[in-house]
Amino acid sequence: MTAILFTAFGACTLVPYISFRCKKKLMPGILLKVATSIFFILTTSAAILIREPVPFEVGPGLYETYKFLFFGVLLGQVFGLMGDFWLDMKDMYLEHKDTYIFSGFICFLIGHLFFIAGLLKTYGANWDTRQYLLILGGGAVLCGGVLLTEKPMKLAYGKFKGITAAYSAVFGASIAAAFCSWYFGGKNPQPLVMTIGLVIFLLSDLVLSGTFFGKGKDRPADYILNYIFYFGGQFTIALSLLVVGQ
């Protein structure tokens, strides 16, 4: 139950973080956000190392089989933590705002690449071209959707259009990779739960795009929804490791 306990701790730091963020108390908010991010990384770590009775057992055999998935998820979330940090720093040092936004996007993009690598190494050994085309198609669909809805959603990506497109493509590919890992990988529940977590994560990005690139979409309700979806997605991804090999 250690992983569940870390999830509960994360919820306890998330609530005051949202409060500080809505009140624009930046430094206490950043510290609490980093603490919440550390808790989802600890949740992932606990899910990897846990030695509890079935169905939450990850013994030596399972570790050897799923080690690339474990560390793909863990490293992906470490880069997510770094992305969190850079994106929050943009509000503290406005003269370097663009650098921090680019850094945040790049860290999240690398994190999703680790997710994809862990999934493909674990579940994709016997795949053919069809599965990889589906993954590339998932990336293309999300990237195209993000770019085509820029004006209808009253957004302006400006100088960040390129990195937004690249990040969206990799994110879409990670969702498709998780779904294909479930559908073509023996219907193991872990990638299905991870797919759900990634979709929840995507909902946070849809809200975040308004606060970053839109006007009048930085209300307290927008921040609350963003962080509930974001951390809800991250903890769901971490907890997916509890059902690995089921």
C-alpha atoms as a PDB file:
ATOM      1  CA  MET A   1       0.000   0.000   0.000  1.00  0.00           C
ATOM      2  CA  THR A   2       3.047   2.288  -0.053  1.00  0.00           C
ATOM      3  CA  ALA A   3       2.229   3.565  -3.543  1.00  0.00           C
ATOM      4  CA  ILE A   4      -1.330   4.413  -2.460  1.00  0.00           C
ATOM      5  CA  LEU A   5       0.073   6.251   0.566  1.00  0.00           C
ATOM      6  CA  PHE A   6       2.335   8.417  -1.606  1.00  0.00           C
ATOM      7  CA  THR A   7      -0.675   9.185  -3.812  1.00  0.00           C
ATOM      8  CA  ALA A   8      -2.583  10.358  -0.730  1.00  0.00           C
ATOM      9  CA  PHE A   9       0.363  12.558   0.303  1.00  0.00           C
ATOM     10  CA  GLY A  10       0.385  14.020  -3.201  1.00  0.00           C
ATOM     11  CA  ALA A  11      -3.294  14.922  -2.868  1.00  0.00           C
ATOM     12  CA  CYS A  12      -2.513  16.632   0.443  1.00  0.00           C
ATOM     13  CA  THR A  13       0.137  18.875  -1.139  1.00  0.00           C
ATOM     14  CA  LEU A  14      -1.904  19.490  -4.295  1.00  0.00           C
ATOM     15  CA  VAL A  15      -4.787  21.219  -2.498  1.00  0.00           C
ATOM     16  CA  PRO A  16      -2.691  23.995  -0.865  1.00  0.00           C
ATOM     17  CA  TYR A  17      -0.663  24.316  -4.081  1.00  0.00           C
ATOM     18  CA  ILE A  18      -3.802  25.144  -6.065  1.00  0.00           C
ATOM     19  CA  SER A  19      -4.777  27.665  -3.387  1.00  0.00           C
ATOM     20  CA  PHE A  20      -1.386  29.420  -3.529  1.00  0.00           C
ATOM     21  CA  ARG A  21      -1.371  29.327  -7.332  1.00  0.00           C
ATOM     22  CA  CYS A  22      -4.794  30.966  -7.562  1.00  0.00           C
ATOM     23  CA  LYS A  23      -3.624  33.661  -5.131  1.00  0.00           C
ATOM     24  CA  LYS A  24      -0.479  34.133  -7.276  1.00  0.00           C
ATOM     25  CA  LYS A  25       1.831  33.342  -4.347  1.00  0.00           C
ATOM     26  CA  LEU A  26       4.472  31.981  -6.664  1.00  0.00           C
ATOM     27  CA  MET A  27       7.349  30.661  -4.535  1.00  0.00           C
ATOM     28  CA  PRO A  28       5.239  28.721  -1.994  1.00  0.00           C
ATOM     29  CA  GLY A  29       3.221  27.425  -4.950  1.00  0.00           C
ATOM     30  CA  ILE A  30       6.321  26.234  -6.830  1.00  0.00           C
ATOM     31  CA  LEU A  31       7.630  24.417  -3.748  1.00  0.00           C
ATOM     32  CA  LEU A  32       4.308  22.664  -3.199  1.00  0.00           C
ATOM     33  CA  LYS A  33       4.047  21.757  -6.884  1.00  0.00           C
ATOM     34  CA  VAL A  34       7.525  20.227  -6.824  1.00  0.00           C
ATOM     35  CA  ALA A  35       6.548  18.335  -3.660  1.00  0.00           C
ATOM     36  CA  THR A  36       3.434  16.974  -5.386  1.00  0.00           C
ATOM     37  CA  SER A  37       5.515  15.977  -8.401  1.00  0.00           C
ATOM     38  CA  ILE A  38       8.004  14.196  -6.146  1.00  0.00           C
ATOM     39  CA  PHE A  39       5.119  12.236  -4.647  1.00  0.00           C
ATOM     40  CA  PHE A  40       4.006  10.925  -8.046  1.00  0.00           C
ATOM     41  CA  ILE A  41       7.613   9.908  -8.724  1.00  0.00           C
ATOM     42  CA  LEU A  42       7.700   8.167  -5.325  1.00  0.00           C
ATOM     43  CA  THR A  43       4.417   6.472  -6.257  1.00  0.00           C
ATOM     44  CA  THR A  44       6.081   5.140  -9.400  1.00  0.00           C
ATOM     45  CA  SER A  45       9.174   4.070  -7.449  1.00  0.00           C
ATOM     46  CA  ALA A  46       7.082   2.313  -4.821  1.00  0.00           C
ATOM     47  CA  ALA A  47       5.091   0.515  -7.506  1.00  0.00           C
ATOM     48  CA  ILE A  48       8.373  -0.732  -8.984  1.00  0.00           C
ATOM     49  CA  LEU A  49       9.924  -1.889  -5.713  1.00  0.00           C
ATOM     50  CA  ILE A  50       6.847  -3.079  -3.878  1.00  0.00           C
ATOM     51  CA  ARG A  51       6.882  -6.634  -2.520  1.00  0.00           C
ATOM     52  CA  GLU A  52       3.305  -7.097  -1.334  1.00  0.00           C
ATOM     53  CA  PRO A  53       1.048 -10.131  -1.872  1.00  0.00           C
ATOM     54  CA  VAL A  54      -0.660 -10.781  -5.190  1.00  0.00           C
ATOM     55  CA  PRO A  55      -2.094  -8.932  -7.071  1.00  0.00           C
ATOM     56  CA  PHE A  56       0.438  -6.189  -6.235  1.00  0.00           C
ATOM     57  CA  GLU A  57       3.531  -8.368  -6.286  1.00  0.00           C
ATOM     58  CA  VAL A  58       6.451  -7.435  -8.494  1.00  0.00           C
ATOM     59  CA  GLY A  59       8.928 -10.229  -8.013  1.00  0.00           C
ATOM     60  CA  PRO A  60      12.311 -10.790  -9.703  1.00  0.00           C
ATOM     61  CA  GLY A  61      10.716 -12.423 -12.757  1.00  0.00           C
ATOM     62  CA  LEU A  62       8.317  -9.571 -13.355  1.00  0.00           C
ATOM     63  CA  TYR A  63      11.037  -7.013 -12.753  1.00  0.00           C
ATOM     64  CA  GLU A  64      13.233  -8.571 -15.412  1.00  0.00           C
ATOM     65  CA  THR A  65      10.338  -8.690 -17.875  1.00  0.00           C
ATOM     66  CA  TYR A  66       9.077  -5.159 -17.249  1.00  0.00           C
ATOM     67  CA  LYS A  67      12.225  -3.269 -16.239  1.00  0.00           C
ATOM     68  CA  PHE A  68      12.219  -1.120 -19.397  1.00  0.00           C
ATOM     69  CA  LEU A  69       8.602  -0.138 -18.739  1.00  0.00           C
ATOM     70  CA  PHE A  70       9.375   0.658 -15.098  1.00  0.00           C
ATOM     71  CA  PHE A  71      12.247   2.941 -15.912  1.00  0.00           C
ATOM     72  CA  GLY A  72      10.554   4.414 -18.973  1.00  0.00           C
ATOM     73  CA  VAL A  73       7.691   5.564 -16.767  1.00  0.00           C
ATOM     74  CA  LEU A  74      10.019   6.695 -13.987  1.00  0.00           C
ATOM     75  CA  LEU A  75      12.302   8.726 -16.255  1.00  0.00           C
ATOM     76  CA  GLY A  76       9.298  10.125 -18.097  1.00  0.00           C
ATOM     77  CA  GLN A  77       7.915  11.431 -14.827  1.00  0.00           C
ATOM     78  CA  VAL A  78      11.281  12.840 -13.748  1.00  0.00           C
ATOM     79  CA  PHE A  79      11.304  14.907 -16.932  1.00  0.00           C
ATOM     80  CA  GLY A  80       7.692  15.869 -16.147  1.00  0.00           C
ATOM     81  CA  LEU A  81       8.860  17.233 -12.796  1.00  0.00           C
ATOM     82  CA  MET A  82      11.541  19.287 -14.548  1.00  0.00           C
ATOM     83  CA  GLY A  83       8.970  20.538 -17.038  1.00  0.00           C
ATOM     84  CA  ASP A  84       6.724  21.610 -14.155  1.00  0.00           C
ATOM     85  CA  PHE A  85       9.564  23.549 -12.603  1.00  0.00           C
ATOM     86  CA  TRP A  86      10.501  25.429 -15.789  1.00  0.00           C
ATOM     87  CA  LEU A  87       6.915  26.347 -16.658  1.00  0.00           C
ATOM     88  CA  ASP A  88       6.307  27.800 -13.197  1.00  0.00           C
ATOM     89  CA  MET A  89       9.583  29.735 -13.276  1.00  0.00           C
ATOM     90  CA  LYS A  90       8.295  31.746 -16.251  1.00  0.00           C
ATOM     91  CA  ASP A  91       6.045  33.749 -13.909  1.00  0.00           C
ATOM     92  CA  MET A  92       8.911  34.621 -11.566  1.00  0.00           C
ATOM     93  CA  TYR A  93      11.524  35.750 -14.099  1.00  0.00           C
ATOM     94  CA  LEU A  94       9.607  37.424 -16.876  1.00  0.00           C
ATOM     95  CA  GLU A  95      12.759  38.484 -18.742  1.00  0.00           C
ATOM     96  CA  HIS A  96      13.472  34.777 -19.390  1.00  0.00           C
ATOM     97  CA  LYS A  97       9.850  33.728 -19.843  1.00  0.00           C
ATOM     98  CA  ASP A  98      10.267  32.368 -23.378  1.00  0.00           C
ATOM     99  CA  THR A  99      13.300  30.285 -22.396  1.00  0.00           C
ATOM    100  CA  TYR A 100      11.426  28.725 -19.507  1.00  0.00           C
ATOM    101  CA  ILE A 101       8.413  27.895 -21.689  1.00  0.00           C
ATOM    102  CA  PHE A 102      10.608  26.245 -24.334  1.00  0.00           C
ATOM    103  CA  SER A 103      12.473  24.343 -21.599  1.00  0.00           C
ATOM    104  CA  GLY A 104       9.227  23.121 -20.072  1.00  0.00           C
ATOM    105  CA  PHE A 105       7.851  21.908 -23.396  1.00  0.00           C
ATOM    106  CA  ILE A 106      11.110  20.139 -24.253  1.00  0.00           C
ATOM    107  CA  CYS A 107      11.226  18.358 -20.891  1.00  0.00           C
ATOM    108  CA  PHE A 108       7.654  17.114 -21.283  1.00  0.00           C
ATOM    109  CA  LEU A 109       8.372  16.019 -24.856  1.00  0.00           C
ATOM    110  CA  ILE A 110      11.400  13.994 -23.694  1.00  0.00           C
ATOM    111  CA  GLY A 111       9.276  12.518 -20.899  1.00  0.00           C
ATOM    112  CA  HIS A 112       6.738  11.199 -23.409  1.00  0.00           C
ATOM    113  CA  LEU A 113       9.563   9.729 -25.491  1.00  0.00           C
ATOM    114  CA  PHE A 114      10.599   7.732 -22.426  1.00  0.00           C
ATOM    115  CA  PHE A 115       6.993   6.562 -21.997  1.00  0.00           C
ATOM    116  CA  ILE A 116       6.935   5.419 -25.635  1.00  0.00           C
ATOM    117  CA  ALA A 117      10.317   3.691 -25.396  1.00  0.00           C
ATOM    118  CA  GLY A 118       9.311   1.782 -22.264  1.00  0.00           C
ATOM    119  CA  LEU A 119       6.023   0.662 -23.795  1.00  0.00           C
ATOM    120  CA  LEU A 120       7.494  -0.421 -27.140  1.00  0.00           C
ATOM    121  CA  LYS A 121      10.409  -2.285 -25.557  1.00  0.00           C
ATOM    122  CA  THR A 122       8.018  -4.132 -23.235  1.00  0.00           C
ATOM    123  CA  TYR A 123       5.010  -4.881 -25.415  1.00  0.00           C
ATOM    124  CA  GLY A 124       6.128  -4.365 -29.016  1.00  0.00           C
ATOM    125  CA  ALA A 125       8.592  -7.203 -29.592  1.00  0.00           C
ATOM    126  CA  ASN A 126       6.327  -9.051 -32.046  1.00  0.00           C
ATOM    127  CA  TRP A 127       4.652  -6.069 -33.704  1.00  0.00           C
ATOM    128  CA  ASP A 128       4.657  -5.431 -37.423  1.00  0.00           C
ATOM    129  CA  THR A 129       4.427  -2.216 -39.438  1.00  0.00           C
ATOM    130  CA  ARG A 130       0.715  -1.797 -38.711  1.00  0.00           C
ATOM    131  CA  GLN A 131       1.167  -1.031 -35.013  1.00  0.00           C
ATOM    132  CA  TYR A 132       3.916   1.498 -35.648  1.00  0.00           C
ATOM    133  CA  LEU A 133       1.815   3.234 -38.281  1.00  0.00           C
ATOM    134  CA  LEU A 134      -1.032   3.490 -35.760  1.00  0.00           C
ATOM    135  CA  ILE A 135       1.326   5.108 -33.270  1.00  0.00           C
ATOM    136  CA  LEU A 136       2.605   7.591 -35.856  1.00  0.00           C
ATOM    137  CA  GLY A 137      -1.011   8.209 -36.886  1.00  0.00           C
ATOM    138  CA  GLY A 138      -1.960   8.996 -33.289  1.00  0.00           C
ATOM    139  CA  GLY A 139       0.788  11.595 -33.169  1.00  0.00           C
ATOM    140  CA  ALA A 140      -0.275  13.091 -36.492  1.00  0.00           C
ATOM    141  CA  VAL A 141      -3.933  13.279 -35.454  1.00  0.00           C
ATOM    142  CA  LEU A 142      -3.232  15.098 -32.192  1.00  0.00           C
ATOM    143  CA  CYS A 143      -0.699  17.433 -33.808  1.00  0.00           C
ATOM    144  CA  GLY A 144      -3.100  18.240 -36.644  1.00  0.00           C
ATOM    145  CA  GLY A 145      -5.980  18.751 -34.233  1.00  0.00           C
ATOM    146  CA  VAL A 146      -3.960  21.158 -32.094  1.00  0.00           C
ATOM    147  CA  LEU A 147      -2.866  23.242 -35.082  1.00  0.00           C
ATOM    148  CA  LEU A 148      -6.255  23.244 -36.842  1.00  0.00           C
ATOM    149  CA  THR A 149      -8.140  24.344 -33.712  1.00  0.00           C
ATOM    150  CA  GLU A 150      -5.820  27.241 -32.896  1.00  0.00           C
ATOM    151  CA  LYS A 151      -8.096  29.909 -34.364  1.00  0.00           C
ATOM    152  CA  PRO A 152     -11.461  28.291 -33.464  1.00  0.00           C
ATOM    153  CA  MET A 153     -10.295  28.091 -29.836  1.00  0.00           C
ATOM    154  CA  LYS A 154      -9.052  31.707 -30.028  1.00  0.00           C
ATOM    155  CA  LEU A 155      -5.464  30.756 -29.264  1.00  0.00           C
ATOM    156  CA  ALA A 156      -2.240  32.297 -30.561  1.00  0.00           C
ATOM    157  CA  TYR A 157       0.788  29.989 -30.397  1.00  0.00           C
ATOM    158  CA  GLY A 158       3.069  32.559 -31.985  1.00  0.00           C
ATOM    159  CA  LYS A 159       6.754  31.665 -31.627  1.00  0.00           C
ATOM    160  CA  PHE A 160       5.768  28.515 -29.741  1.00  0.00           C
ATOM    161  CA  LYS A 161       3.854  26.948 -32.651  1.00  0.00           C
ATOM    162  CA  GLY A 162       6.769  24.714 -33.649  1.00  0.00           C
ATOM    163  CA  ILE A 163       7.433  23.286 -30.189  1.00  0.00           C
ATOM    164  CA  THR A 164       3.677  22.980 -29.563  1.00  0.00           C
ATOM    165  CA  ALA A 165       3.305  20.931 -32.754  1.00  0.00           C
ATOM    166  CA  ALA A 166       6.294  18.711 -31.902  1.00  0.00           C
ATOM    167  CA  TYR A 167       5.111  18.147 -28.342  1.00  0.00           C
ATOM    168  CA  SER A 168       1.567  17.367 -29.500  1.00  0.00           C
ATOM    169  CA  ALA A 169       2.849  14.832 -32.031  1.00  0.00           C
ATOM    170  CA  VAL A 170       4.929  13.005 -29.429  1.00  0.00           C
ATOM    171  CA  PHE A 171       2.099  13.166 -26.881  1.00  0.00           C
ATOM    172  CA  GLY A 172      -0.379  11.723 -29.381  1.00  0.00           C
ATOM    173  CA  ALA A 173       2.107   8.968 -30.200  1.00  0.00           C
ATOM    174  CA  SER A 174       2.471   8.119 -26.494  1.00  0.00           C
ATOM    175  CA  ILE A 175      -1.309   7.733 -26.100  1.00  0.00           C
ATOM    176  CA  ALA A 176      -1.443   5.550 -29.211  1.00  0.00           C
ATOM    177  CA  ALA A 177       1.555   3.511 -28.009  1.00  0.00           C
ATOM    178  CA  ALA A 178      -0.130   2.816 -24.673  1.00  0.00           C
ATOM    179  CA  PHE A 179      -3.415   1.824 -26.340  1.00  0.00           C
ATOM    180  CA  CYS A 180      -1.661  -0.407 -28.893  1.00  0.00           C
ATOM    181  CA  SER A 181       0.332  -1.990 -26.058  1.00  0.00           C
ATOM    182  CA  TRP A 182      -2.953  -2.967 -24.458  1.00  0.00           C
ATOM    183  CA  TYR A 183      -4.842  -3.985 -27.585  1.00  0.00           C
ATOM    184  CA  PHE A 184      -2.031  -5.869 -29.320  1.00  0.00           C
ATOM    185  CA  GLY A 185      -0.082  -6.865 -26.205  1.00  0.00           C
ATOM    186  CA  GLY A 186      -2.342  -9.485 -24.668  1.00  0.00           C
ATOM    187  CA  LYS A 187      -4.832  -7.083 -23.055  1.00  0.00           C
ATOM    188  CA  ASN A 188      -2.550  -6.526 -20.063  1.00  0.00           C
ATOM    189  CA  PRO A 189      -4.382  -3.987 -17.846  1.00  0.00           C
ATOM    190  CA  GLN A 190      -1.270  -1.887 -17.184  1.00  0.00           C
ATOM    191  CA  PRO A 191      -1.130  -0.157 -20.595  1.00  0.00           C
ATOM    192  CA  LEU A 192      -4.928   0.325 -20.507  1.00  0.00           C
ATOM    193  CA  VAL A 193      -4.688   2.143 -17.167  1.00  0.00           C
ATOM    194  CA  MET A 194      -1.721   4.089 -18.538  1.00  0.00           C
ATOM    195  CA  THR A 195      -3.792   5.048 -21.592  1.00  0.00           C
ATOM    196  CA  ILE A 196      -6.493   6.416 -19.281  1.00  0.00           C
ATOM    197  CA  GLY A 197      -3.844   8.351 -17.340  1.00  0.00           C
ATOM    198  CA  LEU A 198      -2.431   9.845 -20.534  1.00  0.00           C
ATOM    199  CA  VAL A 199      -5.906  10.901 -21.721  1.00  0.00           C
ATOM    200  CA  ILE A 200      -6.509  12.621 -18.364  1.00  0.00           C
ATOM    201  CA  PHE A 201      -3.089  14.254 -18.775  1.00  0.00           C
ATOM    202  CA  LEU A 202      -4.202  15.439 -22.231  1.00  0.00           C
ATOM    203  CA  LEU A 203      -7.275  17.104 -20.720  1.00  0.00           C
ATOM    204  CA  SER A 204      -4.960  19.170 -18.523  1.00  0.00           C
ATOM    205  CA  ASP A 205      -3.027  20.294 -21.594  1.00  0.00           C
ATOM    206  CA  LEU A 206      -6.234  21.338 -23.328  1.00  0.00           C
ATOM    207  CA  VAL A 207      -7.035  23.580 -20.366  1.00  0.00           C
ATOM    208  CA  LEU A 208      -3.423  24.741 -20.109  1.00  0.00           C
ATOM    209  CA  SER A 209      -3.350  25.808 -23.759  1.00  0.00           C
ATOM    210  CA  GLY A 210      -6.022  28.380 -22.944  1.00  0.00           C
ATOM    211  CA  THR A 211      -4.108  29.809 -19.972  1.00  0.00           C
ATOM    212  CA  PHE A 212      -0.871  29.944 -21.981  1.00  0.00           C
ATOM    213  CA  PHE A 213      -2.010  31.012 -25.432  1.00  0.00           C
ATOM    214  CA  GLY A 214      -5.539  32.382 -24.993  1.00  0.00           C
ATOM    215  CA  LYS A 215      -7.068  35.456 -23.422  1.00  0.00           C
ATOM    216  CA  GLY A 216      -9.364  35.487 -20.416  1.00  0.00           C
ATOM    217  CA  LYS A 217      -8.709  31.817 -19.713  1.00  0.00           C
ATOM    218  CA  ASP A 218      -6.521  32.199 -16.649  1.00  0.00           C
ATOM    219  CA  ARG A 219      -9.310  32.221 -14.081  1.00  0.00           C
ATOM    220  CA  PRO A 220      -8.975  30.253 -10.806  1.00  0.00           C
ATOM    221  CA  ALA A 221     -11.351  27.631 -12.249  1.00  0.00           C
ATOM    222  CA  ASP A 222      -8.971  27.113 -15.183  1.00  0.00           C
ATOM    223  CA  TYR A 223      -5.990  26.583 -12.892  1.00  0.00           C
ATOM    224  CA  ILE A 224      -7.955  24.196 -10.678  1.00  0.00           C
ATOM    225  CA  LEU A 225      -9.103  22.073 -13.626  1.00  0.00           C
ATOM    226  CA  ASN A 226      -5.633  22.048 -15.136  1.00  0.00           C
ATOM    227  CA  TYR A 227      -3.913  20.788 -12.012  1.00  0.00           C
ATOM    228  CA  ILE A 228      -6.603  18.259 -11.126  1.00  0.00           C
ATOM    229  CA  PHE A 229      -6.334  16.733 -14.605  1.00  0.00           C
ATOM    230  CA  TYR A 230      -2.541  16.980 -14.738  1.00  0.00           C
ATOM    231  CA  PHE A 231      -1.785  15.372 -11.399  1.00  0.00           C
ATOM    232  CA  GLY A 232      -4.713  12.993 -11.777  1.00  0.00           C
ATOM    233  CA  GLY A 233      -3.131  11.797 -15.022  1.00  0.00           C
ATOM    234  CA  GLN A 234       0.370  11.527 -13.578  1.00  0.00           C
ATOM    235  CA  PHE A 235      -0.745   9.540 -10.538  1.00  0.00           C
ATOM    236  CA  THR A 236      -2.876   7.261 -12.730  1.00  0.00           C
ATOM    237  CA  ILE A 237       0.178   6.565 -14.915  1.00  0.00           C
ATOM    238  CA  ALA A 238       2.227   5.803 -11.810  1.00  0.00           C
ATOM    239  CA  LEU A 239      -0.443   3.539 -10.298  1.00  0.00           C
ATOM    240  CA  SER A 240      -0.744   1.606 -13.566  1.00  0.00           C
ATOM    241  CA  LEU A 241       2.456  -0.168 -12.540  1.00  0.00           C
ATOM    242  CA  LEU A 242       0.600  -1.821  -9.673  1.00  0.00           C
ATOM    243  CA  VAL A 243      -1.279  -4.009 -12.155  1.00  0.00           C
ATOM    244  CA  VAL A 244       1.699  -4.845 -14.351  1.00  0.00           C
ATOM    245  CA  GLY A 245       1.721  -8.454 -15.489  1.00  0.00           C
ATOM    246  CA  GLN A 246      -1.905  -9.103 -14.510  1.00  0.00           C
END
